[in-house]
Amino acid sequence: MFARELCAATGAVYVDLALAEAVGGSYVVGGLVNNNLLDQWKAGRTTLVIDALDEARLRVTQAAFEDFLQDVASVARSGALPLVLIGRVGIVEECWAQLNDRAGFNCPIFDIEFFSPD
């Protein structure tokens, strides 16, 4: 729900990996090309919110998921705006490690905790 609201408020493109059969090496850049968004991405006129990392990870091998993250890194380098990746704690930490250690990014992690009744 947060990802959809973020996209509605900012005009970012919502990518729901829960609907993807599988992710791999050209998933993100291919999606940008197939939806005529690559030029907008490179010009800084749109960004992506990629949701359900944990669900996507369950459907592929470790190698395929690492290829997907390399694709994310490649796309991130070619645009002017940040990408937002959303998932549960374990997968976010795995993605953070991959993007920081292998791709050389300094990615922040924002933790969303349960809301209090107030």
PDB file of N, CA and C in Angstrom:
ATOM      1  N   MET A   1       0.818  -1.186   0.000  1.00  0.00           N
ATOM      2  CA  MET A   1       0.000   0.000   0.000  1.00  0.00           C
ATOM      3  C   MET A   1       0.868   1.258   0.000  1.00  0.00           C
ATOM      4  N   PHE A   2       1.956   1.215   0.776  1.00  0.00           N
ATOM      5  CA  PHE A   2       2.861   2.364   0.826  1.00  0.00           C
ATOM      6  C   PHE A   2       3.425   2.679  -0.558  1.00  0.00           C
ATOM      7  N   ALA A   3       3.836   1.657  -1.281  1.00  0.00           N
ATOM      8  CA  ALA A   3       4.423   1.857  -2.608  1.00  0.00           C
ATOM      9  C   ALA A   3       3.423   2.519  -3.556  1.00  0.00           C
ATOM     10  N   ARG A   4       2.205   2.072  -3.523  1.00  0.00           N
ATOM     11  CA  ARG A   4       1.181   2.653  -4.401  1.00  0.00           C
ATOM     12  C   ARG A   4       0.899   4.103  -4.041  1.00  0.00           C
ATOM     13  N   GLU A   5       0.833   4.396  -2.760  1.00  0.00           N
ATOM     14  CA  GLU A   5       0.602   5.768  -2.309  1.00  0.00           C
ATOM     15  C   GLU A   5       1.769   6.671  -2.681  1.00  0.00           C
ATOM     16  N   LEU A   6       2.977   6.153  -2.544  1.00  0.00           N
ATOM     17  CA  LEU A   6       4.165   6.913  -2.923  1.00  0.00           C
ATOM     18  C   LEU A   6       4.122   7.268  -4.408  1.00  0.00           C
ATOM     19  N   CYS A   7       3.742   6.319  -5.222  1.00  0.00           N
ATOM     20  CA  CYS A   7       3.632   6.565  -6.667  1.00  0.00           C
ATOM     21  C   CYS A   7       2.520   7.560  -6.987  1.00  0.00           C
ATOM     22  N   ALA A   8       1.399   7.428  -6.308  1.00  0.00           N
ATOM     23  CA  ALA A   8       0.288   8.351  -6.548  1.00  0.00           C
ATOM     24  C   ALA A   8       0.681   9.782  -6.182  1.00  0.00           C
ATOM     25  N   ALA A   9       1.444   9.933  -5.119  1.00  0.00           N
ATOM     26  CA  ALA A   9       1.838  11.267  -4.659  1.00  0.00           C
ATOM     27  C   ALA A   9       2.951  11.877  -5.499  1.00  0.00           C
ATOM     28  N   THR A  10       3.793  11.059  -6.105  1.00  0.00           N
ATOM     29  CA  THR A  10       4.973  11.586  -6.804  1.00  0.00           C
ATOM     30  C   THR A  10       4.943  11.423  -8.317  1.00  0.00           C
ATOM     31  N   GLY A  11       4.051  10.596  -8.824  1.00  0.00           N
ATOM     32  CA  GLY A  11       4.027  10.317 -10.251  1.00  0.00           C
ATOM     33  C   GLY A  11       5.043   9.260 -10.669  1.00  0.00           C
ATOM     34  N   ALA A  12       5.671   8.592  -9.690  1.00  0.00           N
ATOM     35  CA  ALA A  12       6.627   7.529  -9.993  1.00  0.00           C
ATOM     36  C   ALA A  12       5.909   6.331 -10.605  1.00  0.00           C
ATOM     37  N   VAL A  13       6.654   5.528 -11.322  1.00  0.00           N
ATOM     38  CA  VAL A  13       6.116   4.322 -11.943  1.00  0.00           C
ATOM     39  C   VAL A  13       6.168   3.188 -10.926  1.00  0.00           C
ATOM     40  N   TYR A  14       5.034   2.525 -10.720  1.00  0.00           N
ATOM     41  CA  TYR A  14       4.922   1.424  -9.770  1.00  0.00           C
ATOM     42  C   TYR A  14       5.247   0.114 -10.475  1.00  0.00           C
ATOM     43  N   VAL A  15       6.225  -0.617  -9.941  1.00  0.00           N
ATOM     44  CA  VAL A  15       6.605  -1.924 -10.472  1.00  0.00           C
ATOM     45  C   VAL A  15       6.317  -2.949  -9.380  1.00  0.00           C
ATOM     46  N   ASP A  16       5.332  -3.799  -9.618  1.00  0.00           N
ATOM     47  CA  ASP A  16       4.920  -4.796  -8.629  1.00  0.00           C
ATOM     48  C   ASP A  16       5.527  -6.144  -8.985  1.00  0.00           C
ATOM     49  N   LEU A  17       6.604  -6.496  -8.292  1.00  0.00           N
ATOM     50  CA  LEU A  17       7.272  -7.759  -8.581  1.00  0.00           C
ATOM     51  C   LEU A  17       6.450  -8.968  -8.148  1.00  0.00           C
ATOM     52  N   ALA A  18       5.414  -8.754  -7.349  1.00  0.00           N
ATOM     53  CA  ALA A  18       4.536  -9.867  -6.980  1.00  0.00           C
ATOM     54  C   ALA A  18       3.815 -10.410  -8.210  1.00  0.00           C
ATOM     55  N   LEU A  19       3.692  -9.594  -9.241  1.00  0.00           N
ATOM     56  CA  LEU A  19       3.019 -10.015 -10.467  1.00  0.00           C
ATOM     57  C   LEU A  19       3.980 -10.581 -11.505  1.00  0.00           C
ATOM     58  N   ALA A  20       5.270 -10.450 -11.261  1.00  0.00           N
ATOM     59  CA  ALA A  20       6.267 -10.937 -12.214  1.00  0.00           C
ATOM     60  C   ALA A  20       6.416 -12.448 -12.101  1.00  0.00           C
ATOM     61  N   GLU A  21       6.486 -13.119 -13.230  1.00  0.00           N
ATOM     62  CA  GLU A  21       6.738 -14.561 -13.194  1.00  0.00           C
ATOM     63  C   GLU A  21       8.143 -14.832 -12.705  1.00  0.00           C
ATOM     64  N   ALA A  22       9.101 -14.049 -13.194  1.00  0.00           N
ATOM     65  CA  ALA A  22      10.492 -14.193 -12.776  1.00  0.00           C
ATOM     66  C   ALA A  22      11.231 -12.908 -13.113  1.00  0.00           C
ATOM     67  N   VAL A  23      12.249 -12.611 -12.337  1.00  0.00           N
ATOM     68  CA  VAL A  23      13.103 -11.462 -12.624  1.00  0.00           C
ATOM     69  C   VAL A  23      14.484 -11.984 -13.004  1.00  0.00           C
ATOM     70  N   GLY A  24      15.217 -11.159 -13.727  1.00  0.00           N
ATOM     71  CA  GLY A  24      16.555 -11.547 -14.141  1.00  0.00           C
ATOM     72  C   GLY A  24      17.329 -10.352 -14.633  1.00  0.00           C
ATOM     73  N   GLY A  25      18.304 -10.613 -15.467  1.00  0.00           N
ATOM     74  CA  GLY A  25      19.286  -9.626 -15.861  1.00  0.00           C
ATOM     75  C   GLY A  25      18.816  -8.393 -16.603  1.00  0.00           C
ATOM     76  N   SER A  26      17.739  -8.438 -17.317  1.00  0.00           N
ATOM     77  CA  SER A  26      17.287  -7.255 -18.062  1.00  0.00           C
ATOM     78  C   SER A  26      15.855  -6.876 -17.722  1.00  0.00           C
ATOM     79  N   TYR A  27      15.403  -7.274 -16.574  1.00  0.00           N
ATOM     80  CA  TYR A  27      14.003  -7.049 -16.209  1.00  0.00           C
ATOM     81  C   TYR A  27      13.664  -5.561 -16.138  1.00  0.00           C
ATOM     82  N   VAL A  28      14.478  -4.775 -15.455  1.00  0.00           N
ATOM     83  CA  VAL A  28      14.159  -3.360 -15.254  1.00  0.00           C
ATOM     84  C   VAL A  28      14.366  -2.566 -16.535  1.00  0.00           C
ATOM     85  N   VAL A  29      15.532  -2.677 -17.152  1.00  0.00           N
ATOM     86  CA  VAL A  29      15.773  -1.916 -18.373  1.00  0.00           C
ATOM     87  C   VAL A  29      14.807  -2.354 -19.473  1.00  0.00           C
ATOM     88  N   GLY A  30      14.516  -3.638 -19.550  1.00  0.00           N
ATOM     89  CA  GLY A  30      13.546  -4.120 -20.539  1.00  0.00           C
ATOM     90  C   GLY A  30      12.164  -3.554 -20.300  1.00  0.00           C
ATOM     91  N   GLY A  31      11.773  -3.469 -19.032  1.00  0.00           N
ATOM     92  CA  GLY A  31      10.479  -2.874 -18.702  1.00  0.00           C
ATOM     93  C   GLY A  31      10.405  -1.408 -19.091  1.00  0.00           C
ATOM     94  N   LEU A  32      11.498  -0.684 -18.860  1.00  0.00           N
ATOM     95  CA  LEU A  32      11.536   0.728 -19.268  1.00  0.00           C
ATOM     96  C   LEU A  32      11.418   0.861 -20.786  1.00  0.00           C
ATOM     97  N   VAL A  33      12.138   0.032 -21.506  1.00  0.00           N
ATOM     98  CA  VAL A  33      12.100   0.078 -22.970  1.00  0.00           C
ATOM     99  C   VAL A  33      10.712  -0.311 -23.470  1.00  0.00           C
ATOM    100  N   ASN A  34      10.168  -1.417 -22.974  1.00  0.00           N
ATOM    101  CA  ASN A  34       8.872  -1.908 -23.453  1.00  0.00           C
ATOM    102  C   ASN A  34       7.730  -0.957 -23.157  1.00  0.00           C
ATOM    103  N   ASN A  35       7.889  -0.119 -22.136  1.00  0.00           N
ATOM    104  CA  ASN A  35       6.832   0.838 -21.779  1.00  0.00           C
ATOM    105  C   ASN A  35       7.162   2.263 -22.213  1.00  0.00           C
ATOM    106  N   ASN A  36       8.130   2.401 -23.112  1.00  0.00           N
ATOM    107  CA  ASN A  36       8.541   3.710 -23.637  1.00  0.00           C
ATOM    108  C   ASN A  36       8.889   4.705 -22.531  1.00  0.00           C
ATOM    109  N   LEU A  37       9.589   4.226 -21.507  1.00  0.00           N
ATOM    110  CA  LEU A  37       9.958   5.080 -20.375  1.00  0.00           C
ATOM    111  C   LEU A  37      11.464   5.312 -20.249  1.00  0.00           C
ATOM    112  N   LEU A  38      12.261   4.665 -21.073  1.00  0.00           N
ATOM    113  CA  LEU A  38      13.707   4.772 -20.909  1.00  0.00           C
ATOM    114  C   LEU A  38      14.199   6.205 -21.085  1.00  0.00           C
ATOM    115  N   ASP A  39      13.711   6.899 -22.100  1.00  0.00           N
ATOM    116  CA  ASP A  39      14.136   8.290 -22.315  1.00  0.00           C
ATOM    117  C   ASP A  39      13.695   9.183 -21.156  1.00  0.00           C
ATOM    118  N   GLN A  40      12.480   8.959 -20.646  1.00  0.00           N
ATOM    119  CA  GLN A  40      11.999   9.742 -19.499  1.00  0.00           C
ATOM    120  C   GLN A  40      12.848   9.461 -18.263  1.00  0.00           C
ATOM    121  N   TRP A  41      13.233   8.183 -18.085  1.00  0.00           N
ATOM    122  CA  TRP A  41      14.094   7.820 -16.959  1.00  0.00           C
ATOM    123  C   TRP A  41      15.439   8.531 -17.066  1.00  0.00           C
ATOM    124  N   LYS A  42      16.060   8.439 -18.226  1.00  0.00           N
ATOM    125  CA  LYS A  42      17.379   9.042 -18.403  1.00  0.00           C
ATOM    126  C   LYS A  42      17.341  10.561 -18.261  1.00  0.00           C
ATOM    127  N   ALA A  43      16.222  11.172 -18.628  1.00  0.00           N
ATOM    128  CA  ALA A  43      16.092  12.629 -18.543  1.00  0.00           C
ATOM    129  C   ALA A  43      15.669  13.098 -17.144  1.00  0.00           C
ATOM    130  N   GLY A  44      15.410  12.171 -16.251  1.00  0.00           N
ATOM    131  CA  GLY A  44      15.006  12.552 -14.902  1.00  0.00           C
ATOM    132  C   GLY A  44      13.564  13.010 -14.792  1.00  0.00           C
ATOM    133  N   ARG A  45      12.727  12.565 -15.716  1.00  0.00           N
ATOM    134  CA  ARG A  45      11.311  12.940 -15.690  1.00  0.00           C
ATOM    135  C   ARG A  45      10.427  11.882 -15.033  1.00  0.00           C
ATOM    136  N   THR A  46      10.996  10.722 -14.724  1.00  0.00           N
ATOM    137  CA  THR A  46      10.240   9.687 -14.011  1.00  0.00           C
ATOM    138  C   THR A  46      11.207   8.859 -13.189  1.00  0.00           C
ATOM    139  N   THR A  47      10.668   8.204 -12.204  1.00  0.00           N
ATOM    140  CA  THR A  47      11.446   7.267 -11.408  1.00  0.00           C
ATOM    141  C   THR A  47      10.614   6.028 -11.147  1.00  0.00           C
ATOM    142  N   LEU A  48      11.215   5.047 -10.505  1.00  0.00           N
ATOM    143  CA  LEU A  48      10.557   3.768 -10.281  1.00  0.00           C
ATOM    144  C   LEU A  48      10.466   3.466  -8.796  1.00  0.00           C
ATOM    145  N   VAL A  49       9.360   2.894  -8.403  1.00  0.00           N
ATOM    146  CA  VAL A  49       9.198   2.299  -7.085  1.00  0.00           C
ATOM    147  C   VAL A  49       8.990   0.813  -7.341  1.00  0.00           C
ATOM    148  N   ILE A  50       9.976   0.016  -6.953  1.00  0.00           N
ATOM    149  CA  ILE A  50       9.943  -1.427  -7.200  1.00  0.00           C
ATOM    150  C   ILE A  50       9.550  -2.116  -5.911  1.00  0.00           C
ATOM    151  N   ASP A  51       8.384  -2.740  -5.918  1.00  0.00           N
ATOM    152  CA  ASP A  51       7.784  -3.336  -4.730  1.00  0.00           C
ATOM    153  C   ASP A  51       7.848  -4.856  -4.782  1.00  0.00           C
ATOM    154  N   ALA A  52       7.796  -5.482  -3.626  1.00  0.00           N
ATOM    155  CA  ALA A  52       7.693  -6.933  -3.454  1.00  0.00           C
ATOM    156  C   ALA A  52       8.979  -7.670  -3.818  1.00  0.00           C
ATOM    157  N   LEU A  53      10.113  -7.118  -3.397  1.00  0.00           N
ATOM    158  CA  LEU A  53      11.394  -7.783  -3.648  1.00  0.00           C
ATOM    159  C   LEU A  53      11.410  -9.202  -3.104  1.00  0.00           C
ATOM    160  N   ASP A  54      10.819  -9.390  -1.926  1.00  0.00           N
ATOM    161  CA  ASP A  54      10.812 -10.706  -1.286  1.00  0.00           C
ATOM    162  C   ASP A  54      10.052 -11.732  -2.114  1.00  0.00           C
ATOM    163  N   GLU A  55       8.945 -11.345  -2.703  1.00  0.00           N
ATOM    164  CA  GLU A  55       8.175 -12.277  -3.521  1.00  0.00           C
ATOM    165  C   GLU A  55       8.927 -12.630  -4.808  1.00  0.00           C
ATOM    166  N   ALA A  56       9.597 -11.649  -5.389  1.00  0.00           N
ATOM    167  CA  ALA A  56      10.373 -11.917  -6.605  1.00  0.00           C
ATOM    168  C   ALA A  56      11.532 -12.864  -6.309  1.00  0.00           C
ATOM    169  N   ARG A  57      12.161 -12.685  -5.158  1.00  0.00           N
ATOM    170  CA  ARG A  57      13.315 -13.515  -4.797  1.00  0.00           C
ATOM    171  C   ARG A  57      12.930 -14.986  -4.655  1.00  0.00           C
ATOM    172  N   LEU A  58      11.721 -15.254  -4.188  1.00  0.00           N
ATOM    173  CA  LEU A  58      11.271 -16.628  -3.989  1.00  0.00           C
ATOM    174  C   LEU A  58      11.129 -17.411  -5.294  1.00  0.00           C
ATOM    175  N   ARG A  59      10.970 -16.723  -6.411  1.00  0.00           N
ATOM    176  CA  ARG A  59      10.685 -17.386  -7.688  1.00  0.00           C
ATOM    177  C   ARG A  59      11.914 -17.676  -8.538  1.00  0.00           C
ATOM    178  N   VAL A  60      13.088 -17.201  -8.109  1.00  0.00           N
ATOM    179  CA  VAL A  60      14.272 -17.359  -8.958  1.00  0.00           C
ATOM    180  C   VAL A  60      15.463 -17.870  -8.155  1.00  0.00           C
ATOM    181  N   THR A  61      16.490 -18.278  -8.854  1.00  0.00           N
ATOM    182  CA  THR A  61      17.721 -18.708  -8.199  1.00  0.00           C
ATOM    183  C   THR A  61      18.465 -17.493  -7.653  1.00  0.00           C
ATOM    184  N   GLN A  62      19.434 -17.755  -6.800  1.00  0.00           N
ATOM    185  CA  GLN A  62      20.259 -16.675  -6.264  1.00  0.00           C
ATOM    186  C   GLN A  62      20.974 -15.936  -7.392  1.00  0.00           C
ATOM    187  N   ALA A  63      21.495 -16.685  -8.355  1.00  0.00           N
ATOM    188  CA  ALA A  63      22.208 -16.064  -9.475  1.00  0.00           C
ATOM    189  C   ALA A  63      21.298 -15.152 -10.291  1.00  0.00           C
ATOM    190  N   ALA A  64      20.077 -15.589 -10.549  1.00  0.00           N
ATOM    191  CA  ALA A  64      19.138 -14.772 -11.316  1.00  0.00           C
ATOM    192  C   ALA A  64      18.772 -13.504 -10.546  1.00  0.00           C
ATOM    193  N   PHE A  65      18.611 -13.623  -9.230  1.00  0.00           N
ATOM    194  CA  PHE A  65      18.280 -12.442  -8.434  1.00  0.00           C
ATOM    195  C   PHE A  65      19.455 -11.472  -8.404  1.00  0.00           C
ATOM    196  N   GLU A  66      20.664 -11.994  -8.325  1.00  0.00           N
ATOM    197  CA  GLU A  66      21.841 -11.124  -8.368  1.00  0.00           C
ATOM    198  C   GLU A  66      21.947 -10.421  -9.716  1.00  0.00           C
ATOM    199  N   ASP A  67      21.605 -11.114 -10.798  1.00  0.00           N
ATOM    200  CA  ASP A  67      21.570 -10.489 -12.125  1.00  0.00           C
ATOM    201  C   ASP A  67      20.531  -9.374 -12.154  1.00  0.00           C
ATOM    202  N   PHE A  68      19.383  -9.610 -11.537  1.00  0.00           N
ATOM    203  CA  PHE A  68      18.343  -8.585 -11.440  1.00  0.00           C
ATOM    204  C   PHE A  68      18.882  -7.355 -10.715  1.00  0.00           C
ATOM    205  N   LEU A  69      19.585  -7.564  -9.601  1.00  0.00           N
ATOM    206  CA  LEU A  69      20.126  -6.433  -8.842  1.00  0.00           C
ATOM    207  C   LEU A  69      21.199  -5.687  -9.636  1.00  0.00           C
ATOM    208  N   GLN A  70      21.966  -6.403 -10.440  1.00  0.00           N
ATOM    209  CA  GLN A  70      22.933  -5.725 -11.307  1.00  0.00           C
ATOM    210  C   GLN A  70      22.215  -4.875 -12.353  1.00  0.00           C
ATOM    211  N   ASP A  71      21.075  -5.356 -12.834  1.00  0.00           N
ATOM    212  CA  ASP A  71      20.250  -4.583 -13.764  1.00  0.00           C
ATOM    213  C   ASP A  71      19.714  -3.335 -13.064  1.00  0.00           C
ATOM    214  N   VAL A  72      19.258  -3.487 -11.821  1.00  0.00           N
ATOM    215  CA  VAL A  72      18.793  -2.338 -11.035  1.00  0.00           C
ATOM    216  C   VAL A  72      19.919  -1.309 -10.923  1.00  0.00           C
ATOM    217  N   ALA A  73      21.126  -1.775 -10.602  1.00  0.00           N
ATOM    218  CA  ALA A  73      22.267  -0.873 -10.456  1.00  0.00           C
ATOM    219  C   ALA A  73      22.582  -0.156 -11.773  1.00  0.00           C
ATOM    220  N   SER A  74      22.551  -0.893 -12.862  1.00  0.00           N
ATOM    221  CA  SER A  74      22.835  -0.309 -14.173  1.00  0.00           C
ATOM    222  C   SER A  74      21.814   0.766 -14.529  1.00  0.00           C
ATOM    223  N   VAL A  75      20.557   0.470 -14.293  1.00  0.00           N
ATOM    224  CA  VAL A  75      19.498   1.449 -14.566  1.00  0.00           C
ATOM    225  C   VAL A  75      19.661   2.656 -13.644  1.00  0.00           C
ATOM    226  N   ALA A  76      19.962   2.423 -12.382  1.00  0.00           N
ATOM    227  CA  ALA A  76      20.122   3.527 -11.431  1.00  0.00           C
ATOM    228  C   ALA A  76      21.237   4.478 -11.871  1.00  0.00           C
ATOM    229  N   ARG A  77      22.304   3.927 -12.402  1.00  0.00           N
ATOM    230  CA  ARG A  77      23.420   4.770 -12.861  1.00  0.00           C
ATOM    231  C   ARG A  77      23.047   5.628 -14.074  1.00  0.00           C
ATOM    232  N   SER A  78      22.089   5.174 -14.862  1.00  0.00           N
ATOM    233  CA  SER A  78      21.749   5.878 -16.094  1.00  0.00           C
ATOM    234  C   SER A  78      20.686   6.950 -15.911  1.00  0.00           C
ATOM    235  N   GLY A  79      20.123   7.065 -14.730  1.00  0.00           N
ATOM    236  CA  GLY A  79      19.070   8.051 -14.497  1.00  0.00           C
ATOM    237  C   GLY A  79      19.505   9.142 -13.551  1.00  0.00           C
ATOM    238  N   ALA A  80      18.677  10.180 -13.471  1.00  0.00           N
ATOM    239  CA  ALA A  80      18.981  11.317 -12.606  1.00  0.00           C
ATOM    240  C   ALA A  80      18.253  11.241 -11.270  1.00  0.00           C
ATOM    241  N   LEU A  81      17.266  10.382 -11.172  1.00  0.00           N
ATOM    242  CA  LEU A  81      16.471  10.268  -9.945  1.00  0.00           C
ATOM    243  C   LEU A  81      16.747   8.930  -9.269  1.00  0.00           C
ATOM    244  N   PRO A  82      16.519   8.863  -7.971  1.00  0.00           N
ATOM    245  CA  PRO A  82      16.740   7.585  -7.275  1.00  0.00           C
ATOM    246  C   PRO A  82      15.632   6.583  -7.556  1.00  0.00           C
ATOM    247  N   LEU A  83      15.983   5.317  -7.465  1.00  0.00           N
ATOM    248  CA  LEU A  83      15.011   4.225  -7.476  1.00  0.00           C
ATOM    249  C   LEU A  83      14.633   3.940  -6.035  1.00  0.00           C
ATOM    250  N   VAL A  84      13.436   3.462  -5.833  1.00  0.00           N
ATOM    251  CA  VAL A  84      13.005   3.038  -4.505  1.00  0.00           C
ATOM    252  C   VAL A  84      12.710   1.550  -4.575  1.00  0.00           C
ATOM    253  N   LEU A  85      13.347   0.778  -3.706  1.00  0.00           N
ATOM    254  CA  LEU A  85      13.117  -0.663  -3.629  1.00  0.00           C
ATOM    255  C   LEU A  85      12.414  -0.953  -2.315  1.00  0.00           C
ATOM    256  N   ILE A  86      11.358  -1.757  -2.367  1.00  0.00           N
ATOM    257  CA  ILE A  86      10.573  -2.043  -1.173  1.00  0.00           C
ATOM    258  C   ILE A  86      10.432  -3.551  -0.984  1.00  0.00           C
ATOM    259  N   GLY A  87      10.665  -3.974   0.240  1.00  0.00           N
ATOM    260  CA  GLY A  87      10.521  -5.376   0.597  1.00  0.00           C
ATOM    261  C   GLY A  87      10.638  -5.546   2.093  1.00  0.00           C
ATOM    262  N   ARG A  88      10.483  -6.769   2.534  1.00  0.00           N
ATOM    263  CA  ARG A  88      10.620  -7.057   3.960  1.00  0.00           C
ATOM    264  C   ARG A  88      12.085  -6.992   4.374  1.00  0.00           C
ATOM    265  N   VAL A  89      12.314  -6.928   5.670  1.00  0.00           N
ATOM    266  CA  VAL A  89      13.644  -6.668   6.229  1.00  0.00           C
ATOM    267  C   VAL A  89      14.733  -7.563   5.650  1.00  0.00           C
ATOM    268  N   GLY A  90      14.564  -8.875   5.629  1.00  0.00           N
ATOM    269  CA  GLY A  90      15.616  -9.776   5.180  1.00  0.00           C
ATOM    270  C   GLY A  90      16.053  -9.519   3.755  1.00  0.00           C
ATOM    271  N   ILE A  91      15.117  -9.347   2.850  1.00  0.00           N
ATOM    272  CA  ILE A  91      15.466  -9.140   1.442  1.00  0.00           C
ATOM    273  C   ILE A  91      16.040  -7.753   1.219  1.00  0.00           C
ATOM    274  N   VAL A  92      15.566  -6.774   1.976  1.00  0.00           N
ATOM    275  CA  VAL A  92      16.119  -5.424   1.846  1.00  0.00           C
ATOM    276  C   VAL A  92      17.587  -5.425   2.245  1.00  0.00           C
ATOM    277  N   GLU A  93      17.898  -6.150   3.317  1.00  0.00           N
ATOM    278  CA  GLU A  93      19.296  -6.233   3.743  1.00  0.00           C
ATOM    279  C   GLU A  93      20.151  -6.950   2.704  1.00  0.00           C
ATOM    280  N   GLU A  94      19.613  -8.003   2.093  1.00  0.00           N
ATOM    281  CA  GLU A  94      20.345  -8.709   1.032  1.00  0.00           C
ATOM    282  C   GLU A  94      20.585  -7.782  -0.155  1.00  0.00           C
ATOM    283  N   CYS A  95      19.565  -7.057  -0.567  1.00  0.00           N
ATOM    284  CA  CYS A  95      19.707  -6.124  -1.690  1.00  0.00           C
ATOM    285  C   CYS A  95      20.694  -5.017  -1.345  1.00  0.00           C
ATOM    286  N   TRP A  96      20.607  -4.511  -0.133  1.00  0.00           N
ATOM    287  CA  TRP A  96      21.525  -3.459   0.316  1.00  0.00           C
ATOM    288  C   TRP A  96      22.969  -3.946   0.206  1.00  0.00           C
ATOM    289  N   ALA A  97      23.225  -5.156   0.691  1.00  0.00           N
ATOM    290  CA  ALA A  97      24.577  -5.698   0.645  1.00  0.00           C
ATOM    291  C   ALA A  97      25.057  -5.840  -0.796  1.00  0.00           C
ATOM    292  N   GLN A  98      24.210  -6.344  -1.670  1.00  0.00           N
ATOM    293  CA  GLN A  98      24.578  -6.517  -3.077  1.00  0.00           C
ATOM    294  C   GLN A  98      24.863  -5.169  -3.742  1.00  0.00           C
ATOM    295  N   LEU A  99      23.982  -4.207  -3.529  1.00  0.00           N
ATOM    296  CA  LEU A  99      24.126  -2.915  -4.193  1.00  0.00           C
ATOM    297  C   LEU A  99      25.284  -2.109  -3.623  1.00  0.00           C
ATOM    298  N   ASN A 100      25.558  -2.254  -2.348  1.00  0.00           N
ATOM    299  CA  ASN A 100      26.678  -1.545  -1.742  1.00  0.00           C
ATOM    300  C   ASN A 100      28.001  -2.223  -2.071  1.00  0.00           C
ATOM    301  N   ASP A 101      28.085  -3.526  -1.829  1.00  0.00           N
ATOM    302  CA  ASP A 101      29.355  -4.233  -1.977  1.00  0.00           C
ATOM    303  C   ASP A 101      29.748  -4.458  -3.430  1.00  0.00           C
ATOM    304  N   ARG A 102      28.818  -4.891  -4.247  1.00  0.00           N
ATOM    305  CA  ARG A 102      29.163  -5.256  -5.625  1.00  0.00           C
ATOM    306  C   ARG A 102      28.991  -4.128  -6.624  1.00  0.00           C
ATOM    307  N   ALA A 103      28.018  -3.252  -6.368  1.00  0.00           N
ATOM    308  CA  ALA A 103      27.746  -2.190  -7.337  1.00  0.00           C
ATOM    309  C   ALA A 103      28.296  -0.833  -6.895  1.00  0.00           C
ATOM    310  N   GLY A 104      28.768  -0.737  -5.660  1.00  0.00           N
ATOM    311  CA  GLY A 104      29.382   0.500  -5.197  1.00  0.00           C
ATOM    312  C   GLY A 104      28.422   1.616  -4.849  1.00  0.00           C
ATOM    313  N   PHE A 105      27.187   1.285  -4.546  1.00  0.00           N
ATOM    314  CA  PHE A 105      26.216   2.300  -4.138  1.00  0.00           C
ATOM    315  C   PHE A 105      26.250   2.486  -2.629  1.00  0.00           C
ATOM    316  N   ASN A 106      25.880   3.657  -2.177  1.00  0.00           N
ATOM    317  CA  ASN A 106      25.721   3.930  -0.753  1.00  0.00           C
ATOM    318  C   ASN A 106      24.228   4.119  -0.507  1.00  0.00           C
ATOM    319  N   CYS A 107      23.518   3.008  -0.415  1.00  0.00           N
ATOM    320  CA  CYS A 107      22.058   3.022  -0.342  1.00  0.00           C
ATOM    321  C   CYS A 107      21.570   3.209   1.093  1.00  0.00           C
ATOM    322  N   PRO A 108      20.671   4.144   1.308  1.00  0.00           N
ATOM    323  CA  PRO A 108      20.057   4.239   2.640  1.00  0.00           C
ATOM    324  C   PRO A 108      18.947   3.198   2.774  1.00  0.00           C
ATOM    325  N   ILE A 109      18.677   2.807   4.002  1.00  0.00           N
ATOM    326  CA  ILE A 109      17.548   1.924   4.298  1.00  0.00           C
ATOM    327  C   ILE A 109      16.620   2.670   5.241  1.00  0.00           C
ATOM    328  N   PHE A 110      15.346   2.704   4.893  1.00  0.00           N
ATOM    329  CA  PHE A 110      14.339   3.298   5.746  1.00  0.00           C
ATOM    330  C   PHE A 110      13.460   2.173   6.270  1.00  0.00           C
ATOM    331  N   ASP A 111      13.344   2.101   7.570  1.00  0.00           N
ATOM    332  CA  ASP A 111      12.554   1.063   8.226  1.00  0.00           C
ATOM    333  C   ASP A 111      11.168   1.611   8.544  1.00  0.00           C
ATOM    334  N   ILE A 112      10.139   0.907   8.130  1.00  0.00           N
ATOM    335  CA  ILE A 112       8.775   1.300   8.454  1.00  0.00           C
ATOM    336  C   ILE A 112       8.295   0.360   9.540  1.00  0.00           C
ATOM    337  N   GLU A 113       8.040   0.894  10.696  1.00  0.00           N
ATOM    338  CA  GLU A 113       7.581   0.111  11.837  1.00  0.00           C
ATOM    339  C   GLU A 113       6.056   0.129  11.900  1.00  0.00           C
ATOM    340  N   PHE A 114       5.497  -0.762  12.692  1.00  0.00           N
ATOM    341  CA  PHE A 114       4.063  -0.745  12.902  1.00  0.00           C
ATOM    342  C   PHE A 114       3.656   0.564  13.555  1.00  0.00           C
ATOM    343  N   PHE A 115       2.521   1.071  13.176  1.00  0.00           N
ATOM    344  CA  PHE A 115       2.024   2.305  13.746  1.00  0.00           C
ATOM    345  C   PHE A 115       1.440   2.058  15.118  1.00  0.00           C
ATOM    346  N   SER A 116       1.579   3.022  15.993  1.00  0.00           N
ATOM    347  CA  SER A 116       0.946   2.929  17.297  1.00  0.00           C
ATOM    348  C   SER A 116      -0.522   3.339  17.151  1.00  0.00           C
ATOM    349  N   PRO A 117      -1.361   3.004  18.108  1.00  0.00           N
ATOM    350  CA  PRO A 117      -2.770   3.413  18.011  1.00  0.00           C
ATOM    351  C   PRO A 117      -2.940   4.927  17.900  1.00  0.00           C
ATOM    352  N   ASP A 118      -2.010   5.672  18.462  1.00  0.00           N
ATOM    353  CA  ASP A 118      -2.093   7.134  18.361  1.00  0.00           C
ATOM    354  C   ASP A 118      -1.825   7.595  16.947  1.00  0.00           C
TER     355      ASP A 118
END
